[in-house]
Amino acid sequence: MTTMTTSVNIGKKPAPVTLSDVAITKVAELLAQEEGESLALRVAVKPGGCSGYSYEMFFDSEVMADDVVREFGTVRVVVDSASAELLVGSTLDYSDGLQGAGFHIVNPNATRTCGCGSSFS
């Protein structure tokens, strides 16, 4: 997995999540299909799931004052401050293989994950 380490720092907080080159390409493709110039990828952590927390990703046009915003090439990523603490050091990757295609987050802060891969504690 190759991770793009250059990001534009908007704000003073460290980047909570970085995107692999493959994820950047896929998110950019999906954003182009949405035709929304002001859309960003919002990555969040919400209480729930079988292990305590679950990941949430969606396109969002709103940015709150306490959000952490980073740009990876043409992709803007927005993370709320509470989620940022749980995601710091994480990498978002995308794979397209025989087992199916999809995004997944590698989070060094997760002490355990569930079988579905979208829940952690």
PDB file of N, CA and C in Angstrom:
ATOM      1  N   MET A   1       0.844  -1.157   0.000  1.00  0.00           N
ATOM      2  CA  MET A   1       0.000   0.000   0.000  1.00  0.00           C
ATOM      3  C   MET A   1       0.899   1.233   0.000  1.00  0.00           C
ATOM      4  N   THR A   2       0.684   2.125  -0.941  1.00  0.00           N
ATOM      5  CA  THR A   2       1.426   3.363  -1.018  1.00  0.00           C
ATOM      6  C   THR A   2       0.565   4.469  -0.444  1.00  0.00           C
ATOM      7  N   THR A   3       1.091   5.232   0.487  1.00  0.00           N
ATOM      8  CA  THR A   3       0.342   6.300   1.106  1.00  0.00           C
ATOM      9  C   THR A   3       0.909   7.630   0.663  1.00  0.00           C
ATOM     10  N   MET A   4       0.025   8.505   0.215  1.00  0.00           N
ATOM     11  CA  MET A   4       0.446   9.843  -0.173  1.00  0.00           C
ATOM     12  C   MET A   4       0.654  10.638   1.107  1.00  0.00           C
ATOM     13  N   THR A   5       1.865  11.091   1.336  1.00  0.00           N
ATOM     14  CA  THR A   5       2.170  11.761   2.588  1.00  0.00           C
ATOM     15  C   THR A   5       2.078  13.276   2.487  1.00  0.00           C
ATOM     16  N   THR A   6       1.941  13.803   1.293  1.00  0.00           N
ATOM     17  CA  THR A   6       1.826  15.246   1.168  1.00  0.00           C
ATOM     18  C   THR A   6       0.363  15.626   1.218  1.00  0.00           C
ATOM     19  N   SER A   7       0.034  16.468   2.156  1.00  0.00           N
ATOM     20  CA  SER A   7      -1.328  16.983   2.263  1.00  0.00           C
ATOM     21  C   SER A   7      -1.228  18.461   2.579  1.00  0.00           C
ATOM     22  N   VAL A   8      -2.265  19.168   2.247  1.00  0.00           N
ATOM     23  CA  VAL A   8      -2.315  20.583   2.562  1.00  0.00           C
ATOM     24  C   VAL A   8      -2.921  20.703   3.948  1.00  0.00           C
ATOM     25  N   ASN A   9      -2.204  21.337   4.859  1.00  0.00           N
ATOM     26  CA  ASN A   9      -2.700  21.498   6.214  1.00  0.00           C
ATOM     27  C   ASN A   9      -3.581  22.731   6.301  1.00  0.00           C
ATOM     28  N   ILE A  10      -4.856  22.499   6.553  1.00  0.00           N
ATOM     29  CA  ILE A  10      -5.805  23.575   6.760  1.00  0.00           C
ATOM     30  C   ILE A  10      -6.204  23.466   8.219  1.00  0.00           C
ATOM     31  N   GLY A  11      -5.702  24.337   9.037  1.00  0.00           N
ATOM     32  CA  GLY A  11      -5.911  24.229  10.473  1.00  0.00           C
ATOM     33  C   GLY A  11      -4.609  23.798  11.130  1.00  0.00           C
ATOM     34  N   LYS A  12      -4.635  23.695  12.452  1.00  0.00           N
ATOM     35  CA  LYS A  12      -3.410  23.422  13.190  1.00  0.00           C
ATOM     36  C   LYS A  12      -3.312  21.989  13.697  1.00  0.00           C
ATOM     37  N   LYS A  13      -4.389  21.220  13.638  1.00  0.00           N
ATOM     38  CA  LYS A  13      -4.376  19.862  14.165  1.00  0.00           C
ATOM     39  C   LYS A  13      -3.705  18.915  13.172  1.00  0.00           C
ATOM     40  N   PRO A  14      -3.077  17.824  13.675  1.00  0.00           N
ATOM     41  CA  PRO A  14      -2.462  16.850  12.759  1.00  0.00           C
ATOM     42  C   PRO A  14      -3.530  16.138  11.947  1.00  0.00           C
ATOM     43  N   ALA A  15      -3.130  15.634  10.797  1.00  0.00           N
ATOM     44  CA  ALA A  15      -4.069  14.898   9.943  1.00  0.00           C
ATOM     45  C   ALA A  15      -4.508  13.630  10.667  1.00  0.00           C
ATOM     46  N   PRO A  16      -5.807  13.472  10.930  1.00  0.00           N
ATOM     47  CA  PRO A  16      -6.263  12.279  11.631  1.00  0.00           C
ATOM     48  C   PRO A  16      -6.224  11.034  10.755  1.00  0.00           C
ATOM     49  N   VAL A  17      -6.369  11.202   9.454  1.00  0.00           N
ATOM     50  CA  VAL A  17      -6.374  10.070   8.538  1.00  0.00           C
ATOM     51  C   VAL A  17      -5.681  10.481   7.246  1.00  0.00           C
ATOM     52  N   THR A  18      -4.866   9.582   6.721  1.00  0.00           N
ATOM     53  CA  THR A  18      -4.249   9.823   5.414  1.00  0.00           C
ATOM     54  C   THR A  18      -4.898   8.877   4.416  1.00  0.00           C
ATOM     55  N   LEU A  19      -4.772   9.189   3.144  1.00  0.00           N
ATOM     56  CA  LEU A  19      -5.348   8.362   2.089  1.00  0.00           C
ATOM     57  C   LEU A  19      -4.244   7.742   1.270  1.00  0.00           C
ATOM     58  N   SER A  20      -4.412   6.460   0.941  1.00  0.00           N
ATOM     59  CA  SER A  20      -3.465   5.823   0.033  1.00  0.00           C
ATOM     60  C   SER A  20      -3.693   6.408  -1.356  1.00  0.00           C
ATOM     61  N   ASP A  21      -2.725   6.233  -2.233  1.00  0.00           N
ATOM     62  CA  ASP A  21      -2.861   6.735  -3.601  1.00  0.00           C
ATOM     63  C   ASP A  21      -4.086   6.126  -4.283  1.00  0.00           C
ATOM     64  N   VAL A  22      -4.326   4.840  -4.039  1.00  0.00           N
ATOM     65  CA  VAL A  22      -5.476   4.157  -4.641  1.00  0.00           C
ATOM     66  C   VAL A  22      -6.780   4.760  -4.123  1.00  0.00           C
ATOM     67  N   ALA A  23      -6.848   5.056  -2.824  1.00  0.00           N
ATOM     68  CA  ALA A  23      -8.044   5.662  -2.242  1.00  0.00           C
ATOM     69  C   ALA A  23      -8.264   7.065  -2.801  1.00  0.00           C
ATOM     70  N   ILE A  24      -7.200   7.828  -2.962  1.00  0.00           N
ATOM     71  CA  ILE A  24      -7.324   9.173  -3.531  1.00  0.00           C
ATOM     72  C   ILE A  24      -7.937   9.092  -4.922  1.00  0.00           C
ATOM     73  N   THR A  25      -7.437   8.176  -5.733  1.00  0.00           N
ATOM     74  CA  THR A  25      -7.939   8.019  -7.099  1.00  0.00           C
ATOM     75  C   THR A  25      -9.418   7.641  -7.090  1.00  0.00           C
ATOM     76  N   LYS A  26      -9.801   6.670  -6.247  1.00  0.00           N
ATOM     77  CA  LYS A  26     -11.191   6.210  -6.213  1.00  0.00           C
ATOM     78  C   LYS A  26     -12.126   7.290  -5.688  1.00  0.00           C
ATOM     79  N   VAL A  27     -11.737   7.994  -4.634  1.00  0.00           N
ATOM     80  CA  VAL A  27     -12.578   9.068  -4.090  1.00  0.00           C
ATOM     81  C   VAL A  27     -12.737  10.171  -5.129  1.00  0.00           C
ATOM     82  N   ALA A  28     -11.658  10.517  -5.828  1.00  0.00           N
ATOM     83  CA  ALA A  28     -11.736  11.545  -6.872  1.00  0.00           C
ATOM     84  C   ALA A  28     -12.709  11.124  -7.973  1.00  0.00           C
ATOM     85  N   GLU A  29     -12.686   9.848  -8.352  1.00  0.00           N
ATOM     86  CA  GLU A  29     -13.634   9.333  -9.357  1.00  0.00           C
ATOM     87  C   GLU A  29     -15.072   9.473  -8.866  1.00  0.00           C
ATOM     88  N   LEU A  30     -15.316   9.091  -7.624  1.00  0.00           N
ATOM     89  CA  LEU A  30     -16.659   9.167  -7.061  1.00  0.00           C
ATOM     90  C   LEU A  30     -17.132  10.617  -6.930  1.00  0.00           C
ATOM     91  N   LEU A  31     -16.236  11.505  -6.537  1.00  0.00           N
ATOM     92  CA  LEU A  31     -16.592  12.921  -6.443  1.00  0.00           C
ATOM     93  C   LEU A  31     -16.947  13.486  -7.810  1.00  0.00           C
ATOM     94  N   ALA A  32     -16.223  13.079  -8.844  1.00  0.00           N
ATOM     95  CA  ALA A  32     -16.501  13.550 -10.204  1.00  0.00           C
ATOM     96  C   ALA A  32     -17.897  13.111 -10.646  1.00  0.00           C
ATOM     97  N   GLN A  33     -18.326  11.930 -10.245  1.00  0.00           N
ATOM     98  CA  GLN A  33     -19.664  11.447 -10.578  1.00  0.00           C
ATOM     99  C   GLN A  33     -20.746  12.239  -9.858  1.00  0.00           C
ATOM    100  N   GLU A  34     -20.417  12.759  -8.679  1.00  0.00           N
ATOM    101  CA  GLU A  34     -21.381  13.535  -7.888  1.00  0.00           C
ATOM    102  C   GLU A  34     -21.556  14.948  -8.439  1.00  0.00           C
ATOM    103  N   GLU A  35     -20.599  15.416  -9.195  1.00  0.00           N
ATOM    104  CA  GLU A  35     -20.622  16.760  -9.787  1.00  0.00           C
ATOM    105  C   GLU A  35     -20.833  17.848  -8.743  1.00  0.00           C
ATOM    106  N   GLY A  36     -20.236  17.691  -7.597  1.00  0.00           N
ATOM    107  CA  GLY A  36     -20.344  18.693  -6.539  1.00  0.00           C
ATOM    108  C   GLY A  36     -18.988  19.312  -6.272  1.00  0.00           C
ATOM    109  N   GLU A  37     -18.797  20.522  -6.712  1.00  0.00           N
ATOM    110  CA  GLU A  37     -17.512  21.210  -6.536  1.00  0.00           C
ATOM    111  C   GLU A  37     -17.160  21.399  -5.065  1.00  0.00           C
ATOM    112  N   SER A  38     -18.159  21.578  -4.219  1.00  0.00           N
ATOM    113  CA  SER A  38     -17.891  21.880  -2.808  1.00  0.00           C
ATOM    114  C   SER A  38     -17.916  20.638  -1.921  1.00  0.00           C
ATOM    115  N   LEU A  39     -18.046  19.460  -2.513  1.00  0.00           N
ATOM    116  CA  LEU A  39     -18.121  18.247  -1.711  1.00  0.00           C
ATOM    117  C   LEU A  39     -16.755  17.800  -1.209  1.00  0.00           C
ATOM    118  N   ALA A  40     -16.773  17.264  -0.002  1.00  0.00           N
ATOM    119  CA  ALA A  40     -15.573  16.689   0.607  1.00  0.00           C
ATOM    120  C   ALA A  40     -15.941  15.317   1.141  1.00  0.00           C
ATOM    121  N   LEU A  41     -14.952  14.467   1.325  1.00  0.00           N
ATOM    122  CA  LEU A  41     -15.167  13.177   1.957  1.00  0.00           C
ATOM    123  C   LEU A  41     -15.130  13.372   3.466  1.00  0.00           C
ATOM    124  N   ARG A  42     -16.232  13.092   4.119  1.00  0.00           N
ATOM    125  CA  ARG A  42     -16.268  13.181   5.579  1.00  0.00           C
ATOM    126  C   ARG A  42     -16.048  11.781   6.138  1.00  0.00           C
ATOM    127  N   VAL A  43     -15.058  11.657   7.028  1.00  0.00           N
ATOM    128  CA  VAL A  43     -14.767  10.407   7.716  1.00  0.00           C
ATOM    129  C   VAL A  43     -15.087  10.642   9.187  1.00  0.00           C
ATOM    130  N   ALA A  44     -15.909   9.762   9.754  1.00  0.00           N
ATOM    131  CA  ALA A  44     -16.339   9.939  11.134  1.00  0.00           C
ATOM    132  C   ALA A  44     -16.340   8.613  11.877  1.00  0.00           C
ATOM    133  N   VAL A  45     -16.319   8.710  13.178  1.00  0.00           N
ATOM    134  CA  VAL A  45     -16.453   7.560  14.067  1.00  0.00           C
ATOM    135  C   VAL A  45     -17.696   7.804  14.897  1.00  0.00           C
ATOM    136  N   LYS A  46     -18.578   6.814  14.927  1.00  0.00           N
ATOM    137  CA  LYS A  46     -19.826   6.930  15.672  1.00  0.00           C
ATOM    138  C   LYS A  46     -19.931   5.782  16.671  1.00  0.00           C
ATOM    139  N   PRO A  47     -20.547   6.024  17.840  1.00  0.00           N
ATOM    140  CA  PRO A  47     -20.788   4.926  18.778  1.00  0.00           C
ATOM    141  C   PRO A  47     -21.711   3.903  18.124  1.00  0.00           C
ATOM    142  N   GLY A  48     -21.418   2.641  18.343  1.00  0.00           N
ATOM    143  CA  GLY A  48     -22.258   1.584  17.799  1.00  0.00           C
ATOM    144  C   GLY A  48     -21.425   0.502  17.153  1.00  0.00           C
ATOM    145  N   GLY A  49     -22.080  -0.421  16.531  1.00  0.00           N
ATOM    146  CA  GLY A  49     -21.381  -1.550  15.933  1.00  0.00           C
ATOM    147  C   GLY A  49     -21.122  -2.610  16.987  1.00  0.00           C
ATOM    148  N   CYS A  50     -20.671  -3.749  16.564  1.00  0.00           N
ATOM    149  CA  CYS A  50     -20.500  -4.858  17.499  1.00  0.00           C
ATOM    150  C   CYS A  50     -19.262  -4.728  18.385  1.00  0.00           C
ATOM    151  N   SER A  51     -18.368  -3.790  18.090  1.00  0.00           N
ATOM    152  CA  SER A  51     -17.173  -3.642  18.915  1.00  0.00           C
ATOM    153  C   SER A  51     -17.108  -2.310  19.662  1.00  0.00           C
ATOM    154  N   GLY A  52     -18.121  -1.475  19.541  1.00  0.00           N
ATOM    155  CA  GLY A  52     -18.135  -0.222  20.298  1.00  0.00           C
ATOM    156  C   GLY A  52     -18.216   1.028  19.444  1.00  0.00           C
ATOM    157  N   TYR A  53     -17.454   1.087  18.353  1.00  0.00           N
ATOM    158  CA  TYR A  53     -17.471   2.223  17.436  1.00  0.00           C
ATOM    159  C   TYR A  53     -17.567   1.702  16.006  1.00  0.00           C
ATOM    160  N   SER A  54     -18.119   2.522  15.141  1.00  0.00           N
ATOM    161  CA  SER A  54     -18.143   2.158  13.728  1.00  0.00           C
ATOM    162  C   SER A  54     -17.703   3.354  12.890  1.00  0.00           C
ATOM    163  N   TYR A  55     -17.138   3.058  11.738  1.00  0.00           N
ATOM    164  CA  TYR A  55     -16.685   4.088  10.817  1.00  0.00           C
ATOM    165  C   TYR A  55     -17.842   4.529   9.935  1.00  0.00           C
ATOM    166  N   GLU A  56     -17.818   5.778   9.563  1.00  0.00           N
ATOM    167  CA  GLU A  56     -18.816   6.323   8.665  1.00  0.00           C
ATOM    168  C   GLU A  56     -18.098   7.199   7.642  1.00  0.00           C
ATOM    169  N   MET A  57     -18.444   7.042   6.371  1.00  0.00           N
ATOM    170  CA  MET A  57     -17.857   7.871   5.313  1.00  0.00           C
ATOM    171  C   MET A  57     -18.958   8.301   4.367  1.00  0.00           C
ATOM    172  N   PHE A  58     -18.973   9.580   4.041  1.00  0.00           N
ATOM    173  CA  PHE A  58     -19.952  10.098   3.101  1.00  0.00           C
ATOM    174  C   PHE A  58     -19.463  11.433   2.558  1.00  0.00           C
ATOM    175  N   PHE A  59     -20.072  11.877   1.466  1.00  0.00           N
ATOM    176  CA  PHE A  59     -19.725  13.168   0.898  1.00  0.00           C
ATOM    177  C   PHE A  59     -20.543  14.238   1.599  1.00  0.00           C
ATOM    178  N   ASP A  60     -19.878  15.341   1.936  1.00  0.00           N
ATOM    179  CA  ASP A  60     -20.502  16.407   2.708  1.00  0.00           C
ATOM    180  C   ASP A  60     -20.073  17.750   2.133  1.00  0.00           C
ATOM    181  N   SER A  61     -20.978  18.702   2.138  1.00  0.00           N
ATOM    182  CA  SER A  61     -20.644  20.041   1.655  1.00  0.00           C
ATOM    183  C   SER A  61     -20.462  21.023   2.808  1.00  0.00           C
ATOM    184  N   GLU A  62     -20.744  20.585   4.022  1.00  0.00           N
ATOM    185  CA  GLU A  62     -20.619  21.473   5.180  1.00  0.00           C
ATOM    186  C   GLU A  62     -19.335  21.187   5.950  1.00  0.00           C
ATOM    187  N   VAL A  63     -18.679  22.250   6.385  1.00  0.00           N
ATOM    188  CA  VAL A  63     -17.488  22.142   7.219  1.00  0.00           C
ATOM    189  C   VAL A  63     -17.728  22.987   8.461  1.00  0.00           C
ATOM    190  N   MET A  64     -17.628  22.355   9.614  1.00  0.00           N
ATOM    191  CA  MET A  64     -17.825  23.048  10.888  1.00  0.00           C
ATOM    192  C   MET A  64     -16.518  23.689  11.343  1.00  0.00           C
ATOM    193  N   ALA A  65     -16.618  24.644  12.244  1.00  0.00           N
ATOM    194  CA  ALA A  65     -15.451  25.393  12.708  1.00  0.00           C
ATOM    195  C   ALA A  65     -14.397  24.503  13.358  1.00  0.00           C
ATOM    196  N   ASP A  66     -14.819  23.429  14.044  1.00  0.00           N
ATOM    197  CA  ASP A  66     -13.845  22.581  14.739  1.00  0.00           C
ATOM    198  C   ASP A  66     -13.445  21.344  13.937  1.00  0.00           C
ATOM    199  N   ASP A  67     -13.872  21.246  12.673  1.00  0.00           N
ATOM    200  CA  ASP A  67     -13.470  20.128  11.812  1.00  0.00           C
ATOM    201  C   ASP A  67     -11.996  20.227  11.444  1.00  0.00           C
ATOM    202  N   VAL A  68     -11.374  19.074  11.256  1.00  0.00           N
ATOM    203  CA  VAL A  68     -10.012  18.992  10.743  1.00  0.00           C
ATOM    204  C   VAL A  68     -10.142  18.731   9.246  1.00  0.00           C
ATOM    205  N   VAL A  69      -9.552  19.606   8.429  1.00  0.00           N
ATOM    206  CA  VAL A  69      -9.670  19.509   6.975  1.00  0.00           C
ATOM    207  C   VAL A  69      -8.280  19.333   6.376  1.00  0.00           C
ATOM    208  N   ARG A  70      -8.143  18.335   5.518  1.00  0.00           N
ATOM    209  CA  ARG A  70      -6.885  18.097   4.815  1.00  0.00           C
ATOM    210  C   ARG A  70      -7.189  17.828   3.356  1.00  0.00           C
ATOM    211  N   GLU A  71      -6.253  18.179   2.494  1.00  0.00           N
ATOM    212  CA  GLU A  71      -6.404  17.929   1.071  1.00  0.00           C
ATOM    213  C   GLU A  71      -5.314  16.978   0.603  1.00  0.00           C
ATOM    214  N   PHE A  72      -5.727  15.977  -0.155  1.00  0.00           N
ATOM    215  CA  PHE A  72      -4.831  14.990  -0.746  1.00  0.00           C
ATOM    216  C   PHE A  72      -5.053  15.070  -2.251  1.00  0.00           C
ATOM    217  N   GLY A  73      -4.182  15.791  -2.941  1.00  0.00           N
ATOM    218  CA  GLY A  73      -4.402  16.029  -4.362  1.00  0.00           C
ATOM    219  C   GLY A  73      -5.663  16.853  -4.522  1.00  0.00           C
ATOM    220  N   THR A  74      -6.632  16.331  -5.264  1.00  0.00           N
ATOM    221  CA  THR A  74      -7.892  17.048  -5.484  1.00  0.00           C
ATOM    222  C   THR A  74      -8.965  16.653  -4.478  1.00  0.00           C
ATOM    223  N   VAL A  75      -8.641  15.759  -3.563  1.00  0.00           N
ATOM    224  CA  VAL A  75      -9.615  15.246  -2.601  1.00  0.00           C
ATOM    225  C   VAL A  75      -9.483  15.981  -1.273  1.00  0.00           C
ATOM    226  N   ARG A  76     -10.602  16.544  -0.826  1.00  0.00           N
ATOM    227  CA  ARG A  76     -10.640  17.206   0.481  1.00  0.00           C
ATOM    228  C   ARG A  76     -11.297  16.250   1.468  1.00  0.00           C
ATOM    229  N   VAL A  77     -10.639  16.044   2.620  1.00  0.00           N
ATOM    230  CA  VAL A  77     -11.123  15.137   3.669  1.00  0.00           C
ATOM    231  C   VAL A  77     -11.442  15.960   4.903  1.00  0.00           C
ATOM    232  N   VAL A  78     -12.628  15.726   5.470  1.00  0.00           N
ATOM    233  CA  VAL A  78     -13.098  16.460   6.643  1.00  0.00           C
ATOM    234  C   VAL A  78     -13.381  15.450   7.750  1.00  0.00           C
ATOM    235  N   VAL A  79     -12.876  15.753   8.957  1.00  0.00           N
ATOM    236  CA  VAL A  79     -13.088  14.879  10.119  1.00  0.00           C
ATOM    237  C   VAL A  79     -13.475  15.768  11.293  1.00  0.00           C
ATOM    238  N   ASP A  80     -14.564  15.414  11.984  1.00  0.00           N
ATOM    239  CA  ASP A  80     -14.940  16.185  13.168  1.00  0.00           C
ATOM    240  C   ASP A  80     -13.903  15.966  14.266  1.00  0.00           C
ATOM    241  N   SER A  81     -13.814  16.903  15.195  1.00  0.00           N
ATOM    242  CA  SER A  81     -12.740  16.864  16.196  1.00  0.00           C
ATOM    243  C   SER A  81     -12.816  15.645  17.104  1.00  0.00           C
ATOM    244  N   ALA A  82     -14.011  15.183  17.460  1.00  0.00           N
ATOM    245  CA  ALA A  82     -14.129  13.991  18.317  1.00  0.00           C
ATOM    246  C   ALA A  82     -13.638  12.747  17.578  1.00  0.00           C
ATOM    247  N   SER A  83     -14.005  12.613  16.314  1.00  0.00           N
ATOM    248  CA  SER A  83     -13.556  11.469  15.516  1.00  0.00           C
ATOM    249  C   SER A  83     -12.056  11.537  15.271  1.00  0.00           C
ATOM    250  N   ALA A  84     -11.531  12.741  15.101  1.00  0.00           N
ATOM    251  CA  ALA A  84     -10.105  12.916  14.810  1.00  0.00           C
ATOM    252  C   ALA A  84      -9.242  12.275  15.887  1.00  0.00           C
ATOM    253  N   GLU A  85      -9.665  12.399  17.146  1.00  0.00           N
ATOM    254  CA  GLU A  85      -8.894  11.809  18.243  1.00  0.00           C
ATOM    255  C   GLU A  85      -8.834  10.281  18.135  1.00  0.00           C
ATOM    256  N   LEU A  86      -9.899   9.661  17.659  1.00  0.00           N
ATOM    257  CA  LEU A  86      -9.951   8.205  17.535  1.00  0.00           C
ATOM    258  C   LEU A  86      -9.295   7.697  16.257  1.00  0.00           C
ATOM    259  N   LEU A  87      -9.100   8.594  15.294  1.00  0.00           N
ATOM    260  CA  LEU A  87      -8.553   8.203  13.994  1.00  0.00           C
ATOM    261  C   LEU A  87      -7.082   8.557  13.802  1.00  0.00           C
ATOM    262  N   VAL A  88      -6.493   9.351  14.675  1.00  0.00           N
ATOM    263  CA  VAL A  88      -5.142   9.852  14.444  1.00  0.00           C
ATOM    264  C   VAL A  88      -4.180   8.714  14.101  1.00  0.00           C
ATOM    265  N   GLY A  89      -3.470   8.883  12.997  1.00  0.00           N
ATOM    266  CA  GLY A  89      -2.529   7.875  12.535  1.00  0.00           C
ATOM    267  C   GLY A  89      -3.135   6.840  11.593  1.00  0.00           C
ATOM    268  N   SER A  90      -4.427   6.961  11.301  1.00  0.00           N
ATOM    269  CA  SER A  90      -5.125   5.985  10.457  1.00  0.00           C
ATOM    270  C   SER A  90      -4.880   6.228   8.976  1.00  0.00           C
ATOM    271  N   THR A  91      -5.084   5.177   8.193  1.00  0.00           N
ATOM    272  CA  THR A  91      -4.958   5.258   6.739  1.00  0.00           C
ATOM    273  C   THR A  91      -6.222   4.699   6.106  1.00  0.00           C
ATOM    274  N   LEU A  92      -6.761   5.429   5.150  1.00  0.00           N
ATOM    275  CA  LEU A  92      -7.896   4.965   4.366  1.00  0.00           C
ATOM    276  C   LEU A  92      -7.356   4.395   3.069  1.00  0.00           C
ATOM    277  N   ASP A  93      -7.726   3.150   2.781  1.00  0.00           N
ATOM    278  CA  ASP A  93      -7.261   2.482   1.567  1.00  0.00           C
ATOM    279  C   ASP A  93      -8.469   1.962   0.802  1.00  0.00           C
ATOM    280  N   TYR A  94      -8.248   1.617  -0.467  1.00  0.00           N
ATOM    281  CA  TYR A  94      -9.291   1.040  -1.306  1.00  0.00           C
ATOM    282  C   TYR A  94      -8.714  -0.171  -2.001  1.00  0.00           C
ATOM    283  N   SER A  95      -9.492  -1.245  -2.029  1.00  0.00           N
ATOM    284  CA  SER A  95      -9.039  -2.433  -2.755  1.00  0.00           C
ATOM    285  C   SER A  95     -10.170  -2.930  -3.642  1.00  0.00           C
ATOM    286  N   ASP A  96      -9.784  -3.520  -4.748  1.00  0.00           N
ATOM    287  CA  ASP A  96     -10.740  -4.057  -5.711  1.00  0.00           C
ATOM    288  C   ASP A  96     -10.218  -5.418  -6.133  1.00  0.00           C
ATOM    289  N   GLY A  97     -10.722  -6.450  -5.479  1.00  0.00           N
ATOM    290  CA  GLY A  97     -10.193  -7.787  -5.750  1.00  0.00           C
ATOM    291  C   GLY A  97     -11.289  -8.828  -5.819  1.00  0.00           C
ATOM    292  N   LEU A  98     -10.875 -10.080  -5.817  1.00  0.00           N
ATOM    293  CA  LEU A  98     -11.809 -11.190  -5.915  1.00  0.00           C
ATOM    294  C   LEU A  98     -12.774 -11.265  -4.734  1.00  0.00           C
ATOM    295  N   GLN A  99     -12.340 -10.790  -3.590  1.00  0.00           N
ATOM    296  CA  GLN A  99     -13.186 -10.812  -2.400  1.00  0.00           C
ATOM    297  C   GLN A  99     -14.145  -9.627  -2.343  1.00  0.00           C
ATOM    298  N   GLY A 100     -14.111  -8.771  -3.361  1.00  0.00           N
ATOM    299  CA  GLY A 100     -14.985  -7.606  -3.388  1.00  0.00           C
ATOM    300  C   GLY A 100     -14.195  -6.319  -3.324  1.00  0.00           C
ATOM    301  N   ALA A 101     -14.868  -5.256  -3.663  1.00  0.00           N
ATOM    302  CA  ALA A 101     -14.237  -3.940  -3.674  1.00  0.00           C
ATOM    303  C   ALA A 101     -14.746  -3.120  -2.500  1.00  0.00           C
ATOM    304  N   GLY A 102     -13.900  -2.231  -2.019  1.00  0.00           N
ATOM    305  CA  GLY A 102     -14.354  -1.343  -0.969  1.00  0.00           C
ATOM    306  C   GLY A 102     -13.227  -0.608  -0.270  1.00  0.00           C
ATOM    307  N   PHE A 103     -13.644   0.368   0.515  1.00  0.00           N
ATOM    308  CA  PHE A 103     -12.725   1.149   1.332  1.00  0.00           C
ATOM    309  C   PHE A 103     -12.559   0.451   2.671  1.00  0.00           C
ATOM    310  N   HIS A 104     -11.369   0.576   3.241  1.00  0.00           N
ATOM    311  CA  HIS A 104     -11.158   0.101   4.598  1.00  0.00           C
ATOM    312  C   HIS A 104     -10.161   1.018   5.300  1.00  0.00           C
ATOM    313  N   ILE A 105     -10.340   1.108   6.597  1.00  0.00           N
ATOM    314  CA  ILE A 105      -9.496   1.979   7.417  1.00  0.00           C
ATOM    315  C   ILE A 105      -8.580   1.116   8.260  1.00  0.00           C
ATOM    316  N   VAL A 106      -7.293   1.422   8.203  1.00  0.00           N
ATOM    317  CA  VAL A 106      -6.303   0.784   9.068  1.00  0.00           C
ATOM    318  C   VAL A 106      -6.057   1.776  10.201  1.00  0.00           C
ATOM    319  N   ASN A 107      -6.512   1.405  11.394  1.00  0.00           N
ATOM    320  CA  ASN A 107      -6.471   2.309  12.534  1.00  0.00           C
ATOM    321  C   ASN A 107      -5.570   1.728  13.622  1.00  0.00           C
ATOM    322  N   PRO A 108      -4.410   2.357  13.873  1.00  0.00           N
ATOM    323  CA  PRO A 108      -3.501   1.830  14.899  1.00  0.00           C
ATOM    324  C   PRO A 108      -4.049   1.988  16.316  1.00  0.00           C
ATOM    325  N   ASN A 109      -5.109   2.765  16.491  1.00  0.00           N
ATOM    326  CA  ASN A 109      -5.703   2.983  17.810  1.00  0.00           C
ATOM    327  C   ASN A 109      -6.722   1.916  18.180  1.00  0.00           C
ATOM    328  N   ALA A 110      -7.147   1.114  17.225  1.00  0.00           N
ATOM    329  CA  ALA A 110      -8.147   0.080  17.479  1.00  0.00           C
ATOM    330  C   ALA A 110      -7.494  -1.087  18.225  1.00  0.00           C
ATOM    331  N   THR A 111      -8.061  -1.431  19.369  1.00  0.00           N
ATOM    332  CA  THR A 111      -7.519  -2.552  20.140  1.00  0.00           C
ATOM    333  C   THR A 111      -8.157  -3.867  19.716  1.00  0.00           C
ATOM    334  N   ARG A 112      -9.369  -3.786  19.145  1.00  0.00           N
ATOM    335  CA  ARG A 112      -9.985  -4.985  18.578  1.00  0.00           C
ATOM    336  C   ARG A 112     -10.988  -4.553  17.519  1.00  0.00           C
ATOM    337  N   THR A 113     -11.208  -5.437  16.567  1.00  0.00           N
ATOM    338  CA  THR A 113     -12.173  -5.185  15.498  1.00  0.00           C
ATOM    339  C   THR A 113     -13.108  -6.374  15.400  1.00  0.00           C
ATOM    340  N   CYS A 114     -14.209  -6.157  14.719  1.00  0.00           N
ATOM    341  CA  CYS A 114     -15.153  -7.261  14.546  1.00  0.00           C
ATOM    342  C   CYS A 114     -14.952  -7.912  13.181  1.00  0.00           C
ATOM    343  N   GLY A 115     -15.659  -8.961  12.929  1.00  0.00           N
ATOM    344  CA  GLY A 115     -15.518  -9.703  11.668  1.00  0.00           C
ATOM    345  C   GLY A 115     -15.936  -8.907  10.458  1.00  0.00           C
ATOM    346  N   CYS A 116     -16.863  -7.958  10.607  1.00  0.00           N
ATOM    347  CA  CYS A 116     -17.324  -7.190   9.450  1.00  0.00           C
ATOM    348  C   CYS A 116     -16.301  -6.154   9.012  1.00  0.00           C
ATOM    349  N   GLY A 117     -15.360  -5.805   9.884  1.00  0.00           N
ATOM    350  CA  GLY A 117     -14.307  -4.858   9.525  1.00  0.00           C
ATOM    351  C   GLY A 117     -14.701  -3.404   9.618  1.00  0.00           C
ATOM    352  N   SER A 118     -15.948  -3.110   9.994  1.00  0.00           N
ATOM    353  CA  SER A 118     -16.347  -1.708  10.073  1.00  0.00           C
ATOM    354  C   SER A 118     -16.621  -1.266  11.498  1.00  0.00           C
ATOM    355  N   SER A 119     -16.287  -2.099  12.477  1.00  0.00           N
ATOM    356  CA  SER A 119     -16.487  -1.772  13.866  1.00  0.00           C
ATOM    357  C   SER A 119     -15.205  -2.056  14.652  1.00  0.00           C
ATOM    358  N   PHE A 120     -14.942  -1.208  15.655  1.00  0.00           N
ATOM    359  CA  PHE A 120     -13.708  -1.360  16.435  1.00  0.00           C
ATOM    360  C   PHE A 120     -13.898  -0.826  17.831  1.00  0.00           C
ATOM    361  N   SER A 121     -12.922  -1.090  18.688  1.00  0.00           N
ATOM    362  CA  SER A 121     -12.889  -0.503  20.026  1.00  0.00           C
ATOM    363  C   SER A 121     -11.460  -0.186  20.375  1.00  0.00           C
TER     364      SER A 121
END
